PDB file of N, CA and C in Angstrom:
ATOM      1  N   MET A   1      -3.382  -1.606 -32.132  1.00  0.00           N
ATOM      2  CA  MET A   1      -1.831  -1.893 -32.608  1.00  0.00           C
ATOM      3  C   MET A   1      -1.067  -1.815 -31.027  1.00  0.00           C
ATOM      4  N   PHE A   2      -0.025  -2.497 -31.385  1.00  0.00           N
ATOM      5  CA  PHE A   2       0.515  -2.857 -30.047  1.00  0.00           C
ATOM      6  C   PHE A   2       1.577  -2.096 -29.601  1.00  0.00           C
ATOM      7  N   HIS A   3       1.556  -1.351 -28.612  1.00  0.00           N
ATOM      8  CA  HIS A   3       2.216   0.057 -27.845  1.00  0.00           C
ATOM      9  C   HIS A   3       3.216  -0.818 -26.901  1.00  0.00           C
ATOM     10  N   PRO A   4       4.171  -1.235 -27.452  1.00  0.00           N
ATOM     11  CA  PRO A   4       5.582  -1.486 -25.968  1.00  0.00           C
ATOM     12  C   PRO A   4       5.724  -0.786 -24.862  1.00  0.00           C
ATOM     13  N   GLN A   5       5.719   1.020 -25.277  1.00  0.00           N
ATOM     14  CA  GLN A   5       6.244   1.676 -24.594  1.00  0.00           C
ATOM     15  C   GLN A   5       5.077   1.862 -23.514  1.00  0.00           C
ATOM     16  N   GLN A   6       4.058   2.127 -24.116  1.00  0.00           N
ATOM     17  CA  GLN A   6       2.413   1.898 -22.973  1.00  0.00           C
ATOM     18  C   GLN A   6       2.815   0.572 -22.296  1.00  0.00           C
ATOM     19  N   ARG A   7       2.858   0.033 -22.591  1.00  0.00           N
ATOM     20  CA  ARG A   7       2.919  -1.581 -21.643  1.00  0.00           C
ATOM     21  C   ARG A   7       3.639  -1.469 -20.460  1.00  0.00           C
ATOM     22  N   THR A   8       5.492  -0.831 -20.631  1.00  0.00           N
ATOM     23  CA  THR A   8       6.204  -0.496 -19.948  1.00  0.00           C
ATOM     24  C   THR A   8       5.797   0.396 -18.971  1.00  0.00           C
ATOM     25  N   LYS A   9       5.322   1.100 -19.469  1.00  0.00           N
ATOM     26  CA  LYS A   9       4.625   2.355 -18.422  1.00  0.00           C
ATOM     27  C   LYS A   9       3.694   1.941 -17.558  1.00  0.00           C
ATOM     28  N   THR A  10       2.923   1.444 -17.783  1.00  0.00           N
ATOM     29  CA  THR A  10       1.716   0.562 -16.894  1.00  0.00           C
ATOM     30  C   THR A  10       2.363  -0.286 -16.070  1.00  0.00           C
ATOM     31  N   TYR A  11       3.239  -1.150 -16.600  1.00  0.00           N
ATOM     32  CA  TYR A  11       3.858  -2.321 -15.880  1.00  0.00           C
ATOM     33  C   TYR A  11       4.817  -1.317 -14.236  1.00  0.00           C
ATOM     34  N   GLY A  12       5.719  -0.402 -14.950  1.00  0.00           N
ATOM     35  CA  GLY A  12       6.142   0.002 -14.017  1.00  0.00           C
ATOM     36  C   GLY A  12       5.632   0.898 -12.973  1.00  0.00           C
ATOM     37  N   LYS A  13       4.114   1.342 -12.978  1.00  0.00           N
ATOM     38  CA  LYS A  13       3.644   2.008 -12.642  1.00  0.00           C
ATOM     39  C   LYS A  13       3.099   0.886 -11.218  1.00  0.00           C
ATOM     40  N   VAL A  14       2.591  -0.103 -11.564  1.00  0.00           N
ATOM     41  CA  VAL A  14       2.430  -1.118 -10.375  1.00  0.00           C
ATOM     42  C   VAL A  14       3.342  -1.594  -9.879  1.00  0.00           C
ATOM     43  N   VAL A  15       4.453  -1.932 -10.638  1.00  0.00           N
ATOM     44  CA  VAL A  15       5.573  -2.448  -9.506  1.00  0.00           C
ATOM     45  C   VAL A  15       6.078  -1.251  -8.499  1.00  0.00           C
ATOM     46  N   GLY A  16       6.008   0.504  -8.922  1.00  0.00           N
ATOM     47  CA  GLY A  16       6.708   1.243  -8.130  1.00  0.00           C
ATOM     48  C   GLY A  16       5.225   1.449  -7.197  1.00  0.00           C
ATOM     49  N   PHE A  17       3.826   1.362  -7.162  1.00  0.00           N
ATOM     50  CA  PHE A  17       2.983   1.074  -6.440  1.00  0.00           C
ATOM     51  C   PHE A  17       3.191  -0.102  -5.618  1.00  0.00           C
ATOM     52  N   THR A  18       3.315  -0.595  -5.940  1.00  0.00           N
ATOM     53  CA  THR A  18       3.673  -2.147  -4.747  1.00  0.00           C
ATOM     54  C   THR A  18       4.378  -2.085  -3.864  1.00  0.00           C
ATOM     55  N   PHE A  19       5.635  -1.928  -4.389  1.00  0.00           N
ATOM     56  CA  PHE A  19       6.990  -1.500  -3.798  1.00  0.00           C
ATOM     57  C   PHE A  19       6.820  -0.351  -2.733  1.00  0.00           C
ATOM     58  N   SER A  20       6.222   0.650  -3.069  1.00  0.00           N
ATOM     59  CA  SER A  20       6.196   1.826  -2.233  1.00  0.00           C
ATOM     60  C   SER A  20       5.061   1.545  -1.267  1.00  0.00           C
ATOM     61  N   PHE A  21       4.174   0.900  -1.671  1.00  0.00           N
ATOM     62  CA  PHE A  21       3.196   0.311  -0.321  1.00  0.00           C
ATOM     63  C   PHE A  21       3.938  -0.821   0.414  1.00  0.00           C
ATOM     64  N   PHE A  22       4.679  -1.261   0.254  1.00  0.00           N
ATOM     65  CA  PHE A  22       5.071  -2.597   1.296  1.00  0.00           C
ATOM     66  C   PHE A  22       6.390  -1.834   2.071  1.00  0.00           C
ATOM     67  N   LEU A  23       6.839  -0.882   1.801  1.00  0.00           N
ATOM     68  CA  LEU A  23       7.957   0.080   2.057  1.00  0.00           C
ATOM     69  C   LEU A  23       6.964   0.794   3.211  1.00  0.00           C
ATOM     70  N   PHE A  24       6.419   1.602   2.771  1.00  0.00           N
ATOM     71  CA  PHE A  24       5.480   2.164   3.760  1.00  0.00           C
ATOM     72  C   PHE A  24       4.670   1.485   4.557  1.00  0.00           C
ATOM     73  N   THR A  25       3.932   0.470   4.404  1.00  0.00           N
ATOM     74  CA  THR A  25       4.043  -0.710   5.104  1.00  0.00           C
ATOM     75  C   THR A  25       4.777  -1.241   6.501  1.00  0.00           C
ATOM     76  N   THR A  26       5.744  -1.374   5.833  1.00  0.00           N
ATOM     77  CA  THR A  26       6.860  -1.880   6.625  1.00  0.00           C
ATOM     78  C   THR A  26       7.301  -0.415   7.959  1.00  0.00           C
ATOM     79  N   ILE A  27       7.437   0.700   7.154  1.00  0.00           N
ATOM     80  CA  ILE A  27       7.623   1.601   8.219  1.00  0.00           C
ATOM     81  C   ILE A  27       6.614   1.493   9.188  1.00  0.00           C
ATOM     82  N   VAL A  28       5.647   2.095   9.054  1.00  0.00           N
ATOM     83  CA  VAL A  28       4.273   1.928   9.948  1.00  0.00           C
ATOM     84  C   VAL A  28       4.658   0.635  11.032  1.00  0.00           C
ATOM     85  N   PHE A  29       4.686  -0.321  10.416  1.00  0.00           N
ATOM     86  CA  PHE A  29       4.794  -1.472  11.243  1.00  0.00           C
ATOM     87  C   PHE A  29       5.787  -1.162  12.052  1.00  0.00           C
ATOM     88  N   PHE A  30       6.807  -0.533  11.805  1.00  0.00           N
ATOM     89  CA  PHE A  30       8.376  -0.782  12.976  1.00  0.00           C
ATOM     90  C   PHE A  30       8.038   0.263  14.006  1.00  0.00           C
ATOM     91  N   MET A  31       7.339   1.381  13.126  1.00  0.00           N
ATOM     92  CA  MET A  31       7.048   2.681  13.803  1.00  0.00           C
ATOM     93  C   MET A  31       6.306   2.505  15.207  1.00  0.00           C
ATOM     94  N   LEU A  32       4.957   1.719  14.891  1.00  0.00           N
ATOM     95  CA  LEU A  32       4.046   1.122  15.574  1.00  0.00           C
ATOM     96  C   LEU A  32       4.687   0.175  16.985  1.00  0.00           C
ATOM     97  N   SER A  33       5.443  -0.516  16.421  1.00  0.00           N
ATOM     98  CA  SER A  33       5.796  -1.670  17.233  1.00  0.00           C
ATOM     99  C   SER A  33       6.805  -0.960  17.897  1.00  0.00           C
ATOM    100  N   LEU A  34       7.836   0.046  17.680  1.00  0.00           N
ATOM    101  CA  LEU A  34       9.073   0.721  18.787  1.00  0.00           C
ATOM    102  C   LEU A  34       8.331   1.512  19.620  1.00  0.00           C
ATOM    103  N   PHE A  35       6.991   2.024  19.428  1.00  0.00           N
ATOM    104  CA  PHE A  35       6.257   3.015  20.365  1.00  0.00           C
ATOM    105  C   PHE A  35       4.946   2.304  20.802  1.00  0.00           C
ATOM    106  N   LYS A  36       5.142   0.582  20.918  1.00  0.00           N
ATOM    107  CA  LYS A  36       4.309   0.123  21.718  1.00  0.00           C
ATOM    108  C   LYS A  36       2.936   0.188  20.798  1.00  0.00           C
ATOM    109  N   LYS A  37       2.411   0.671  20.068  1.00  0.00           N
ATOM    110  CA  LYS A  37       0.754   1.358  19.835  1.00  0.00           C
ATOM    111  C   LYS A  37      -0.055  -0.309  19.200  1.00  0.00           C
ATOM    112  N   ILE A  38       0.591  -1.168  19.094  1.00  0.00           N
ATOM    113  CA  ILE A  38      -0.399  -1.889  18.440  1.00  0.00           C
ATOM    114  C   ILE A  38      -0.387  -3.165  19.419  1.00  0.00           C
ATOM    115  N   PRO A  39      -1.338  -3.984  19.507  1.00  0.00           N
ATOM    116  CA  PRO A  39      -1.455  -5.100  20.475  1.00  0.00           C
ATOM    117  C   PRO A  39      -0.705  -5.949  20.199  1.00  0.00           C
ATOM    118  N   PRO A  40       0.351  -6.698  21.333  1.00  0.00           N
ATOM    119  CA  PRO A  40       0.756  -8.002  20.624  1.00  0.00           C
ATOM    120  C   PRO A  40       0.569  -8.958  19.918  1.00  0.00           C
ATOM    121  N   THR A  41      -0.658  -9.184  19.991  1.00  0.00           N
ATOM    122  CA  THR A  41      -1.075 -10.499  19.134  1.00  0.00           C
ATOM    123  C   THR A  41      -0.943  -9.882  17.179  1.00  0.00           C
ATOM    124  N   TRP A  42      -1.048  -8.962  17.093  1.00  0.00           N
ATOM    125  CA  TRP A  42      -0.702  -7.889  15.479  1.00  0.00           C
ATOM    126  C   TRP A  42       0.261  -8.406  15.009  1.00  0.00           C
ATOM    127  N   HIS A  43      -0.113  -8.482  13.746  1.00  0.00           N
ATOM    128  CA  HIS A  43       1.498  -9.012  12.831  1.00  0.00           C
ATOM    129  C   HIS A  43       1.296  -7.825  11.543  1.00  0.00           C
ATOM    130  N   TYR A  44       2.213  -7.919  10.635  1.00  0.00           N
ATOM    131  CA  TYR A  44       2.475  -7.360   9.539  1.00  0.00           C
ATOM    132  C   TYR A  44       1.253  -7.436   8.733  1.00  0.00           C
ATOM    133  N   GLU A  45       0.760  -8.436   8.325  1.00  0.00           N
ATOM    134  CA  GLU A  45      -0.440  -8.572   7.758  1.00  0.00           C
ATOM    135  C   GLU A  45      -1.837  -7.317   8.575  1.00  0.00           C
ATOM    136  N   HIS A  46      -1.377  -7.131   9.817  1.00  0.00           N
ATOM    137  CA  HIS A  46      -3.119  -6.586   9.952  1.00  0.00           C
ATOM    138  C   HIS A  46      -2.747  -4.923   9.661  1.00  0.00           C
ATOM    139  N   ILE A  47      -1.812  -4.737   9.754  1.00  0.00           N
ATOM    140  CA  ILE A  47      -0.986  -3.165   9.571  1.00  0.00           C
ATOM    141  C   ILE A  47      -1.633  -3.381   7.998  1.00  0.00           C
ATOM    142  N   ALA A  48      -0.915  -4.078   6.882  1.00  0.00           N
ATOM    143  CA  ALA A  48      -1.286  -4.067   5.732  1.00  0.00           C
ATOM    144  C   ALA A  48      -2.656  -3.804   5.533  1.00  0.00           C
ATOM    145  N   LEU A  49      -3.410  -4.678   6.079  1.00  0.00           N
ATOM    146  CA  LEU A  49      -4.853  -4.532   5.774  1.00  0.00           C
ATOM    147  C   LEU A  49      -5.714  -3.291   5.753  1.00  0.00           C
ATOM    148  N   GLY A  50      -5.241  -2.531   7.192  1.00  0.00           N
ATOM    149  CA  GLY A  50      -5.504  -1.807   7.463  1.00  0.00           C
ATOM    150  C   GLY A  50      -5.184  -0.611   6.551  1.00  0.00           C
ATOM    151  N   LEU A  51      -4.230  -0.680   6.211  1.00  0.00           N
ATOM    152  CA  LEU A  51      -3.688   0.426   5.242  1.00  0.00           C
ATOM    153  C   LEU A  51      -4.345  -0.097   3.744  1.00  0.00           C
ATOM    154  N   LEU A  52      -4.636  -0.909   3.536  1.00  0.00           N
ATOM    155  CA  LEU A  52      -5.500  -1.238   2.293  1.00  0.00           C
ATOM    156  C   LEU A  52      -6.672  -0.670   2.483  1.00  0.00           C
ATOM    157  N   PHE A  53      -7.269  -0.965   3.528  1.00  0.00           N
ATOM    158  CA  PHE A  53      -8.456  -0.206   3.572  1.00  0.00           C
ATOM    159  C   PHE A  53      -8.546   1.249   3.621  1.00  0.00           C
ATOM    160  N   VAL A  54      -7.768   1.947   4.248  1.00  0.00           N
ATOM    161  CA  VAL A  54      -7.633   2.923   3.751  1.00  0.00           C
ATOM    162  C   VAL A  54      -7.549   3.200   2.554  1.00  0.00           C
ATOM    163  N   LEU A  55      -6.526   3.044   1.947  1.00  0.00           N
ATOM    164  CA  LEU A  55      -6.382   3.065   0.433  1.00  0.00           C
ATOM    165  C   LEU A  55      -7.630   3.242  -0.545  1.00  0.00           C
ATOM    166  N   SER A  56      -8.157   1.740   0.056  1.00  0.00           N
ATOM    167  CA  SER A  56      -9.440   1.348  -1.095  1.00  0.00           C
ATOM    168  C   SER A  56     -10.744   2.741  -0.623  1.00  0.00           C
ATOM    169  N   LEU A  57     -10.803   3.043   0.713  1.00  0.00           N
ATOM    170  CA  LEU A  57     -11.357   4.849   1.217  1.00  0.00           C
ATOM    171  C   LEU A  57     -11.203   5.880   0.323  1.00  0.00           C
ATOM    172  N   GLY A  58      -9.737   5.665   0.123  1.00  0.00           N
ATOM    173  CA  GLY A  58      -9.329   6.841  -0.907  1.00  0.00           C
ATOM    174  C   GLY A  58      -9.764   7.271  -2.030  1.00  0.00           C
ATOM    175  N   TRP A  59      -9.565   5.798  -2.947  1.00  0.00           N
ATOM    176  CA  TRP A  59     -10.085   5.321  -4.117  1.00  0.00           C
ATOM    177  C   TRP A  59     -11.584   5.590  -4.467  1.00  0.00           C
ATOM    178  N   LEU A  60     -12.009   5.052  -3.572  1.00  0.00           N
ATOM    179  CA  LEU A  60     -14.026   5.327  -3.742  1.00  0.00           C
ATOM    180  C   LEU A  60     -14.216   6.902  -3.464  1.00  0.00           C
ATOM    181  N   LEU A  61     -13.296   7.930  -2.576  1.00  0.00           N
ATOM    182  CA  LEU A  61     -13.692   8.977  -2.769  1.00  0.00           C
ATOM    183  C   LEU A  61     -13.146   9.332  -3.783  1.00  0.00           C
ATOM    184  N   ARG A  62     -12.307   9.107  -4.603  1.00  0.00           N
ATOM    185  CA  ARG A  62     -11.477   9.706  -5.788  1.00  0.00           C
ATOM    186  C   ARG A  62     -12.926   9.615  -6.974  1.00  0.00           C
ATOM    187  N   LYS A  63     -13.287   8.226  -6.691  1.00  0.00           N
ATOM    188  CA  LYS A  63     -14.293   7.874  -7.912  1.00  0.00           C
ATOM    189  C   LYS A  63     -15.486   8.608  -7.746  1.00  0.00           C
ATOM    190  N   ILE A  64     -16.113   9.013  -6.307  1.00  0.00           N
ATOM    191  CA  ILE A  64     -17.425   9.178  -6.219  1.00  0.00           C
ATOM    192  C   ILE A  64     -17.359  11.148  -6.757  1.00  0.00           C
ATOM    193  N   LEU A  65     -16.118  11.747  -5.722  1.00  0.00           N
ATOM    194  CA  LEU A  65     -15.886  13.239  -6.240  1.00  0.00           C
ATOM    195  C   LEU A  65     -15.194  13.383  -7.455  1.00  0.00           C
TER     196      LEU A  65
END
């Protein structure tokens, strides 16, 4: 049976998570840039990949434990 409310809830979670991830990544990038804690050759994508790696580790640990 079709449940539009469940689909909307799932869509909202995905959009909210994606928005939160990019907001957090932007804040971390600007903080690290401001305090000169990242190499000058690094860009936003490097920080996003690092945070995705940490996120993946957390997800994996949750699945294992």
